[in-house]
Protein backbone atom coordinates (compact mmCIF):
# COMPACT_ATOMS: atom_id res chain seq x y z
CA MET A 1 -73.48 216.38 -12.66
CA LYS A 2 -73.20 219.59 -10.69
CA LYS A 3 -76.96 220.17 -10.91
CA LEU A 4 -77.57 216.59 -9.76
CA LEU A 5 -75.38 217.07 -6.67
CA VAL A 6 -77.18 220.30 -5.77
CA TRP A 7 -80.55 218.58 -6.17
CA LEU A 8 -79.47 215.62 -3.97
CA LEU A 9 -78.14 217.96 -1.27
CA THR A 10 -81.39 219.97 -1.27
CA LEU A 11 -83.43 216.78 -1.05
CA SER A 12 -81.29 215.53 1.85
CA LEU A 13 -81.67 218.74 3.84
CA THR A 14 -85.41 218.84 3.18
CA PHE A 15 -85.77 215.25 4.42
CA CYS A 16 -83.78 215.99 7.55
CA PHE A 17 -85.76 219.13 8.30
CA PHE A 18 -89.12 217.38 8.09
CA SER A 19 -87.96 214.06 9.55
CA PRO A 20 -89.66 213.43 12.93
CA SER A 21 -86.34 212.34 14.47
CA PHE A 22 -84.73 215.63 13.45
CA ALA A 23 -87.60 217.94 14.33
CA ALA A 24 -88.27 216.44 17.75
CA LYS A 25 -85.71 218.19 19.92
CA LYS A 26 -84.62 216.54 23.14
CA PRO A 27 -86.09 218.26 26.18
CA GLY A 28 -83.55 220.67 27.67
CA ILE A 29 -82.21 220.76 31.19
CA VAL A 30 -81.54 223.53 33.65
CA LYS A 31 -78.32 223.00 35.60
CA ILE A 32 -78.20 224.23 39.18
CA GLY A 33 -74.98 223.87 41.12
CA VAL A 34 -74.95 222.87 44.78
CA PHE A 35 -71.80 223.44 46.86
CA LEU A 36 -71.97 222.01 50.36
CA PRO A 37 -69.62 220.47 52.96
CA MET A 38 -70.25 216.77 52.47
CA THR A 39 -67.05 215.96 54.37
CA GLY A 40 -65.04 217.81 57.00
CA ALA A 41 -65.92 219.64 60.20
CA VAL A 42 -69.55 220.45 59.39
CA ALA A 43 -70.32 217.52 57.10
CA ALA A 44 -73.47 216.59 59.03
CA SER A 45 -74.94 220.00 58.23
CA GLY A 46 -74.08 219.68 54.56
CA GLN A 47 -75.56 216.22 54.28
CA THR A 48 -78.76 217.38 55.99
CA GLU A 49 -79.19 220.35 53.65
CA TRP A 50 -78.52 218.16 50.63
CA ALA A 51 -81.27 215.78 51.76
CA GLY A 52 -83.70 218.70 51.85
CA ILE A 53 -82.64 219.96 48.42
CA LYS A 54 -83.16 216.51 46.90
CA ILE A 55 -86.68 216.27 48.33
CA ALA A 56 -87.45 219.76 47.01
CA ASN A 57 -86.24 218.63 43.59
CA LYS A 58 -88.52 215.59 43.85
CA ILE A 59 -91.49 217.86 44.61
CA LYS A 60 -90.64 220.31 41.82
CA PRO A 61 -88.38 218.59 39.24
CA THR A 62 -88.87 221.05 36.36
CA VAL A 63 -88.71 224.76 35.63
CA LEU A 64 -89.63 226.59 32.42
CA GLY A 65 -90.71 223.23 31.05
CA LYS A 66 -87.23 221.77 31.48
CA LYS A 67 -85.83 219.17 33.86
CA VAL A 68 -83.70 220.53 36.71
CA LYS A 69 -80.32 218.82 37.03
CA LEU A 70 -78.56 219.29 40.37
CA VAL A 71 -74.76 219.27 40.24
CA LEU A 72 -73.37 218.62 43.73
CA VAL A 73 -69.77 219.43 44.72
CA ASP A 74 -68.11 218.99 48.11
CA THR A 75 -66.47 222.03 49.73
CA LYS A 76 -64.87 219.74 52.35
CA SER A 77 -65.74 222.44 54.95
CA ASP A 78 -62.85 224.50 53.55
CA GLU A 79 -62.84 228.09 52.24
CA THR A 80 -60.25 227.54 49.51
CA GLU A 81 -62.05 224.44 48.29
CA ALA A 82 -65.34 226.37 48.27
CA ALA A 83 -63.88 228.97 45.90
CA ASN A 84 -62.43 226.23 43.69
CA VAL A 85 -65.63 224.21 43.36
CA VAL A 86 -67.73 227.30 42.66
CA SER A 87 -65.35 228.16 39.86
CA LYS A 88 -65.71 224.61 38.53
CA LEU A 89 -69.50 224.78 38.62
CA ILE A 90 -69.44 227.99 36.61
CA LYS A 91 -66.71 227.24 34.08
CA LYS A 92 -66.96 223.48 33.57
CA ASP A 93 -70.52 222.54 34.50
CA ARG A 94 -72.01 225.77 33.10
CA VAL A 95 -74.67 226.10 35.82
CA CYS A 96 -77.13 229.00 35.63
CA ALA A 97 -77.33 229.45 39.41
CA MET A 98 -76.12 227.85 42.64
CA ILE A 99 -77.27 226.83 46.11
CA GLY A 100 -74.71 226.98 48.93
CA GLY A 101 -72.86 227.02 51.13
CA ILE A 102 -73.64 226.36 54.76
CA THR A 103 -71.00 228.26 56.70
CA SER A 104 -70.69 231.97 56.06
CA ASP A 105 -66.95 231.81 55.42
CA ASN A 106 -67.36 229.12 52.74
CA THR A 107 -70.20 231.06 51.12
CA MET A 108 -68.16 234.27 51.08
CA ALA A 109 -65.26 232.46 49.42
CA GLY A 110 -67.56 231.19 46.67
CA ALA A 111 -69.45 234.49 46.48
CA GLU A 112 -66.43 236.39 45.25
CA VAL A 113 -66.13 234.05 42.27
CA ALA A 114 -69.85 233.95 41.51
CA ASP A 115 -70.37 237.70 41.77
CA LYS A 116 -67.69 238.37 39.16
CA ALA A 117 -69.21 235.76 36.84
CA ARG A 118 -72.74 237.15 37.43
CA ILE A 119 -74.09 233.77 38.48
CA PRO A 120 -76.57 233.97 41.39
CA ILE A 121 -76.06 232.07 44.64
CA VAL A 122 -78.85 231.39 47.13
CA SER A 123 -77.46 230.33 50.50
CA PRO A 124 -79.70 228.27 52.76
CA THR A 125 -78.06 229.14 56.07
CA SER A 126 -75.19 231.64 55.82
CA SER A 127 -76.20 234.31 58.31
CA ASN A 128 -73.13 236.55 58.65
CA LEU A 129 -73.95 240.09 57.51
CA MET A 130 -70.85 240.22 55.27
CA VAL A 131 -72.06 237.37 53.03
CA THR A 132 -74.20 239.69 50.93
CA GLN A 133 -72.36 242.95 51.61
CA ASP A 134 -71.28 244.66 48.37
CA ARG A 135 -72.41 241.59 46.40
CA LYS A 136 -75.09 241.87 43.72
CA TYR A 137 -75.56 238.16 42.98
CA ILE A 138 -75.59 236.65 46.47
CA PHE A 139 -78.85 235.94 48.35
CA ARG A 140 -79.99 234.00 51.40
CA VAL A 141 -83.24 232.46 52.64
CA GLY A 142 -82.33 232.57 56.34
CA PHE A 143 -82.20 235.61 58.62
CA ILE A 144 -79.00 237.52 59.42
CA ASP A 145 -76.91 237.26 62.61
CA PRO A 146 -77.81 240.68 64.07
CA PHE A 147 -81.44 239.53 64.31
CA GLN A 148 -80.58 236.07 65.62
CA GLY A 149 -78.18 237.42 68.25
CA LYS A 150 -80.77 239.97 69.39
CA VAL A 151 -83.45 237.27 69.75
CA ALA A 152 -81.15 235.13 71.92
CA ALA A 153 -80.10 238.08 74.08
CA LYS A 154 -83.68 239.23 74.63
CA TYR A 155 -84.87 235.75 75.61
CA ALA A 156 -81.92 235.28 77.96
CA TYR A 157 -82.49 238.67 79.60
CA SER A 158 -86.28 238.74 79.74
CA THR A 159 -87.29 235.10 80.10
CA THR A 160 -84.49 233.55 82.14
CA GLY A 161 -83.79 236.75 84.07
CA ALA A 162 -80.08 236.67 83.25
CA ARG A 163 -78.09 239.82 83.94
CA LYS A 164 -74.57 238.43 83.64
CA ALA A 165 -73.59 236.45 80.53
CA ALA A 166 -70.51 234.54 79.44
CA ILE A 167 -69.67 233.77 75.82
CA MET A 168 -67.48 231.06 74.26
CA ILE A 169 -66.54 232.00 70.68
CA ASP A 170 -65.05 229.88 67.88
CA ILE A 171 -62.69 232.52 66.49
CA ALA A 172 -61.98 230.44 63.38
CA LYS A 173 -65.46 231.19 62.01
CA ASP A 174 -66.81 234.61 60.98
CA TYR A 175 -70.31 233.30 61.67
CA CYS A 176 -69.50 232.63 65.34
CA ILE A 177 -67.73 235.98 65.82
CA GLY A 178 -70.62 237.89 64.23
CA LEU A 179 -73.21 236.15 66.39
CA ALA A 180 -71.20 236.71 69.57
CA ASN A 181 -70.87 240.43 68.83
CA SER A 182 -74.57 240.75 68.09
CA PHE A 183 -75.58 238.93 71.28
CA ALA A 184 -73.18 240.97 73.44
CA LYS A 185 -74.29 244.30 71.97
CA SER A 186 -77.98 243.50 72.47
CA PHE A 187 -77.52 242.06 75.97
CA ILE A 188 -75.54 245.08 77.15
CA LYS A 189 -78.05 247.50 75.60
CA MET A 190 -80.84 245.88 77.66
CA GLY A 191 -78.85 246.38 80.85
CA GLY A 192 -76.89 243.13 81.06
CA LYS A 193 -73.16 242.61 81.42
CA ILE A 194 -70.69 240.27 79.70
CA VAL A 195 -68.62 238.94 82.59
CA ALA A 196 -66.41 236.44 80.73
CA THR A 197 -65.40 235.60 77.16
CA GLY A 198 -63.67 232.37 76.18
CA TYR A 199 -62.13 231.53 72.82
CA CYS A 200 -61.76 228.27 70.91
CA GLN A 201 -61.26 227.08 67.34
CA THR A 202 -63.04 224.57 65.13
CA GLY A 203 -61.85 221.06 65.97
CA ASP A 204 -60.80 221.81 69.55
CA GLN A 205 -61.58 219.02 72.00
CA ASP A 206 -60.69 220.44 75.42
CA PHE A 207 -62.53 223.48 76.77
CA THR A 208 -61.88 223.02 80.49
CA ALA A 209 -59.53 226.01 80.86
CA GLN A 210 -62.01 228.40 79.25
CA LEU A 211 -64.92 226.94 81.21
CA SER A 212 -63.03 227.20 84.50
CA ALA A 213 -62.46 230.92 83.88
CA ILE A 214 -66.12 231.34 82.93
CA MET A 215 -67.28 229.58 86.12
CA ALA A 216 -65.10 231.89 88.20
CA ALA A 217 -66.98 234.88 86.74
CA LYS A 218 -70.30 233.40 87.97
CA PRO A 219 -72.47 234.12 84.91
CA ASP A 220 -76.24 233.66 84.85
CA VAL A 221 -76.17 232.30 81.30
CA LEU A 222 -73.65 230.89 78.80
CA TYR A 223 -73.91 231.72 75.09
CA LEU A 224 -72.30 229.34 72.56
CA PRO A 225 -72.68 230.79 69.03
CA ASN A 226 -70.75 227.87 67.52
CA TYR A 227 -71.33 224.80 65.34
CA TYR A 228 -72.76 221.56 66.72
CA ALA A 229 -69.55 219.63 67.54
CA GLU A 230 -67.98 222.38 69.62
CA VAL A 231 -71.29 223.18 71.34
CA ALA A 232 -71.87 219.53 72.25
CA LEU A 233 -68.37 219.02 73.67
CA THR A 234 -68.52 222.32 75.58
CA CYS A 235 -71.81 221.27 77.16
CA LYS A 236 -70.38 217.90 78.16
CA GLN A 237 -67.36 219.46 79.84
CA ALA A 238 -69.46 222.20 81.45
CA ALA A 239 -71.63 219.49 83.03
CA GLU A 240 -68.56 217.63 84.26
CA LEU A 241 -67.22 220.80 85.86
CA GLY A 242 -70.56 221.54 87.50
CA LEU A 243 -71.53 224.67 85.56
CA ASN A 244 -75.27 224.85 86.10
CA VAL A 245 -76.67 227.81 84.11
CA PRO A 246 -78.94 228.06 81.06
CA ILE A 247 -77.00 227.51 77.84
CA PHE A 248 -77.93 229.17 74.57
CA ALA A 249 -76.76 228.23 71.07
CA ALA A 250 -77.68 229.19 67.50
CA ASP A 251 -78.80 227.71 64.21
CA GLY A 252 -75.38 226.19 63.48
CA ALA A 253 -76.00 223.73 66.31
CA HIS A 254 -79.56 222.86 65.32
CA VAL A 255 -78.77 219.42 63.88
CA SER A 256 -79.34 215.95 65.31
CA GLU A 257 -75.59 215.47 65.80
CA LEU A 258 -75.71 217.97 68.67
CA ILE A 259 -77.82 215.49 70.64
CA LYS A 260 -75.88 212.43 69.43
CA ILE A 261 -72.57 213.91 70.55
CA GLY A 262 -73.74 215.85 73.61
CA GLU A 263 -76.23 213.26 74.89
CA LYS A 264 -77.73 214.23 78.26
CA ALA A 265 -75.36 217.19 78.61
CA VAL A 266 -77.27 219.18 75.96
CA GLU A 267 -80.65 218.62 77.62
CA GLY A 268 -82.20 222.05 78.16
CA VAL A 269 -80.02 223.91 75.65
CA ILE A 270 -82.01 226.72 73.98
CA LEU A 271 -81.36 227.52 70.31
CA THR A 272 -82.38 230.27 67.93
CA SER A 273 -83.27 228.79 64.56
CA HIS A 274 -85.20 229.15 61.30
CA PHE A 275 -87.70 226.31 61.41
CA ALA A 276 -89.61 224.17 63.85
CA ARG A 277 -91.70 221.32 62.57
CA GLU A 278 -94.50 222.07 65.03
CA ALA A 279 -94.74 225.70 63.88
CA ALA A 280 -94.86 224.98 60.14
CA THR A 281 -98.04 226.46 58.64
CA THR A 282 -97.68 226.90 54.87
CA VAL A 283 -99.12 224.49 52.30
CA LEU A 284 -95.62 223.86 50.93
CA ALA A 285 -94.29 223.11 54.42
CA LYS A 286 -96.94 220.49 55.09
CA LYS A 287 -96.33 218.82 51.73
CA TYR A 288 -92.55 218.92 52.20
CA ILE A 289 -92.68 217.50 55.74
CA GLU A 290 -94.87 214.62 54.63
CA ILE A 291 -92.65 213.65 51.70
CA TYR A 292 -89.34 214.27 53.49
CA GLU A 293 -90.25 212.13 56.47
CA LYS A 294 -91.65 209.35 54.29
CA GLU A 295 -88.55 209.30 52.07
CA THR A 296 -85.87 209.68 54.75
CA GLY A 297 -87.46 208.17 57.86
CA LYS A 298 -86.33 211.27 59.78
CA GLU A 299 -88.17 214.27 61.16
CA ALA A 300 -87.89 217.43 59.08
CA SER A 301 -85.44 219.89 60.66
CA ALA A 302 -84.16 223.42 60.18
CA LEU A 303 -81.23 222.69 57.87
CA ASP A 304 -83.05 220.41 55.45
CA ALA A 305 -86.01 222.83 55.39
CA LEU A 306 -83.73 225.74 54.51
CA GLY A 307 -82.00 223.69 51.83
CA ALA A 308 -85.42 223.05 50.34
CA ASP A 309 -86.37 226.73 50.60
CA ALA A 310 -83.21 227.79 48.76
CA TYR A 311 -84.23 225.47 45.92
CA PHE A 312 -87.88 226.55 45.83
CA VAL A 313 -87.05 230.27 45.98
CA LEU A 314 -84.49 229.90 43.19
CA LEU A 315 -86.93 228.06 40.91
CA ASP A 316 -89.61 230.63 41.67
CA ALA A 317 -87.19 233.38 40.57
CA ILE A 318 -86.30 231.52 37.36
CA GLU A 319 -89.99 231.17 36.53
CA ARG A 320 -90.69 234.84 37.18
CA ALA A 321 -87.60 235.82 35.16
CA LYS A 322 -88.71 233.49 32.34
CA SER A 323 -85.03 232.98 31.74
CA THR A 324 -81.93 231.12 32.94
CA ARG A 325 -79.71 234.15 32.35
CA GLY A 326 -77.90 235.11 35.55
CA SER A 327 -78.75 238.82 35.41
CA LYS A 328 -82.46 238.15 34.98
CA ILE A 329 -82.55 235.55 37.76
CA ARG A 330 -80.73 238.03 39.99
CA THR A 331 -83.39 240.70 39.38
CA ALA A 332 -86.19 238.23 40.12
CA LEU A 333 -84.51 237.04 43.35
CA ALA A 334 -84.19 240.64 44.54
CA ASN A 335 -87.93 241.03 44.06
CA THR A 336 -89.01 237.95 46.02
CA LYS A 337 -91.98 238.99 48.14
CA ALA A 338 -94.18 236.96 50.49
CA PHE A 339 -92.93 233.61 49.19
CA GLN A 340 -94.67 230.91 51.21
CA GLY A 341 -91.74 228.60 51.87
CA VAL A 342 -91.13 225.57 54.04
CA SER A 343 -89.64 227.67 56.83
CA GLY A 344 -92.30 230.39 56.59
CA THR A 345 -92.88 233.60 54.66
CA ILE A 346 -89.76 234.78 52.83
CA ASN A 347 -89.17 238.37 51.70
CA ILE A 348 -85.83 239.14 50.06
CA SER A 349 -84.59 242.70 49.94
CA ARG A 350 -82.51 244.19 47.13
CA ASN A 351 -79.37 243.70 49.22
CA GLY A 352 -79.93 239.93 49.17
CA ASN A 353 -81.01 239.54 52.79
CA THR A 354 -84.18 237.82 53.93
CA ILE A 355 -86.57 239.30 56.45
CA LYS A 356 -88.38 236.52 58.31
CA SER A 357 -89.32 235.18 61.72
CA ALA A 358 -87.04 233.23 64.02
CA VAL A 359 -88.04 230.31 66.19
CA LEU A 360 -86.73 229.26 69.56
CA VAL A 361 -86.35 225.56 70.27
CA HIS A 362 -84.87 223.64 73.17
CA VAL A 363 -83.62 220.12 73.76
CA LYS A 364 -86.11 218.21 75.85
CA ASP A 365 -86.24 214.45 76.40
CA GLY A 366 -83.50 213.99 73.81
CA LYS A 367 -85.35 215.89 71.06
CA PHE A 368 -85.59 219.41 69.68
CA GLN A 369 -88.91 220.90 70.76
CA TYR A 370 -90.54 224.17 69.76
CA LEU A 371 -90.70 227.06 72.25
CA LYS A 372 -91.90 230.17 70.43
CA THR A 373 -91.79 232.25 67.25
CA VAL A 374 -90.23 235.73 67.24
CA ASN A 375 -91.21 238.10 64.43
CA PRO A 376 -88.75 240.65 63.05
């Protein structure tokens, strides 16, 4: 009886081993987490980047022969929530890498968690220098604030002839503070002077007191290194008060909501950014623009392009690493050279920062239009 049972068990295992249904393994998946502000103060930016990431996934749906599964979580534009959802992506969803966030403060909150867990993050748009500082597993595909602030200051000084500048800073955001400092340092170094500085916080609606003080200082130019809602409202109130000087903003305002909220008041605003549709030259950019605009019915823009680039760069690193292990992906990301992305050529240094060109755009006839490209 005992011999019979052993024989039956052996036969059963042999059948299972050679059975087509047993031998044919289900194709695996590669989980990539995405943490973005889908609600809250900068929800429009998060939704735009997510649209770009989804199109990138449509263009390249597999890596290492496996299907890529995107796991999206909402940071609600909040730092604490960003840290919580990153922890969830790592511990519960078991992602091998992540894309996010948009704002530098949200990314830094998530970065602390990810760095300890040795799970790489590629941020599409976080530009504050501190995002990657002392972090081994945090990367970005956009340029850093010192470069962006310098580009804005140089254009204001050299092209518009400004010698006196005023700045309005959202002190609730590290991104805005970093940009303001970079602009001021560069502008002063060239021979300019900062004649007035106003302060606000995310969600503020009334800027008349700050703008009145700025007008009294008689600046030649106003720099607004803030996100789209605050920039749009500031421009509206500046127009109402009669402030008639060139206004500069940064990549955080380069979304369609700036024009929707600001309307005619943002006409002429000059922005430093990462991508201009008219300046796109790579093969991937042309393919992405065609598919994105066909799928969404919208023109490709900076934020969706950078969301796509974060995805493409991450998959390129996974392929070069030939692994989904965090440490190996991290090494591959740090060796990204001359990647021909949607927003241009991307080179990532070992400290996680990207060296790339900036573009200048302005609002003309109710649309963002390309001005020029500035190389690093």
